[in-house]
């Protein structure tokens, strides 16, 4: 949910519509390919941050780093 909300905000910054274009919409190749690339980067960063926060919490509670 966090990644989705972050993407919607990021997609608005350059003046795009609120929703990212679908591949079948009449939009430029640049927009159609840029949207999932940006979405993927945001998702990966949010996932990494959540994983790292979870690992840090386990370390703080147990004294050992998970994994």
Protein backbone atom coordinates (compact mmCIF):
# COMPACT_ATOMS: atom_id res chain seq x y z
CA UNK A 1 0.00 0.00 0.00
CA UNK A 2 2.85 2.35 0.86
CA UNK A 3 4.57 1.68 -2.46
CA UNK A 4 1.32 2.26 -4.36
CA UNK A 5 0.68 5.57 -2.63
CA UNK A 6 4.29 6.66 -3.17
CA UNK A 7 4.05 5.80 -6.86
CA UNK A 8 0.85 7.80 -7.32
CA UNK A 9 2.52 10.84 -5.77
CA UNK A 10 5.72 10.36 -7.77
CA UNK A 11 3.79 9.94 -11.02
CA UNK A 12 2.03 13.29 -10.48
CA UNK A 13 5.30 15.21 -10.05
CA UNK A 14 6.21 15.57 -13.73
CA UNK A 15 2.63 16.55 -14.52
CA UNK A 16 1.32 13.15 -15.56
CA UNK A 17 -2.22 11.99 -14.96
CA UNK A 18 -3.04 10.52 -11.56
CA UNK A 19 -3.00 6.96 -12.91
CA UNK A 20 -0.17 5.38 -14.83
CA UNK A 21 -1.00 4.45 -18.43
CA UNK A 22 -1.79 0.88 -19.42
CA UNK A 23 0.27 -0.62 -22.21
CA UNK A 24 -2.76 -0.52 -24.52
CA UNK A 25 -3.58 3.16 -24.01
CA UNK A 26 -2.85 5.70 -26.70
CA UNK A 27 0.20 7.16 -24.96
CA UNK A 28 3.83 7.55 -25.93
CA UNK A 29 6.22 4.63 -25.63
CA UNK A 30 8.19 6.68 -23.12
CA UNK A 31 5.23 7.06 -20.75
CA UNK A 32 4.08 3.46 -21.14
CA UNK A 33 7.56 2.08 -20.33
CA UNK A 34 8.52 4.68 -17.73
CA UNK A 35 5.50 3.99 -15.51
CA UNK A 36 6.31 0.36 -14.63
CA UNK A 37 10.02 1.16 -14.30
CA UNK A 38 9.32 3.87 -11.72
CA UNK A 39 6.77 1.67 -10.00
CA UNK A 40 9.27 -1.20 -9.78
CA UNK A 41 11.97 0.99 -8.28
CA UNK A 42 9.62 2.41 -5.66
CA UNK A 43 8.33 -1.07 -4.77
CA UNK A 44 11.88 -2.43 -4.41
CA UNK A 45 12.95 0.46 -2.16
CA UNK A 46 9.90 0.13 0.09
CA UNK A 47 10.38 -3.65 0.31
CA UNK A 48 14.07 -3.27 1.18
CA UNK A 49 13.26 -0.66 3.84
CA UNK A 50 10.62 -2.92 5.41
CA UNK A 51 12.96 -5.94 5.37
CA UNK A 52 15.78 -3.92 6.90
CA UNK A 53 13.52 -2.48 9.61
CA UNK A 54 12.31 -5.97 10.46
CA UNK A 55 15.86 -7.30 10.68
CA UNK A 56 16.93 -4.37 12.86
CA UNK A 57 13.99 -5.01 15.19
CA UNK A 58 14.86 -8.71 15.50
CA UNK A 59 18.48 -7.72 16.22
CA UNK A 60 17.41 -5.21 18.83
CA UNK A 61 15.12 -7.72 20.57
CA UNK A 62 17.23 -10.89 20.33
CA UNK A 63 20.76 -9.54 20.08
CA UNK A 64 21.51 -11.53 16.93
CA UNK A 65 21.17 -10.52 13.31
CA UNK A 66 18.61 -12.68 11.48
CA UNK A 67 19.62 -14.76 8.50
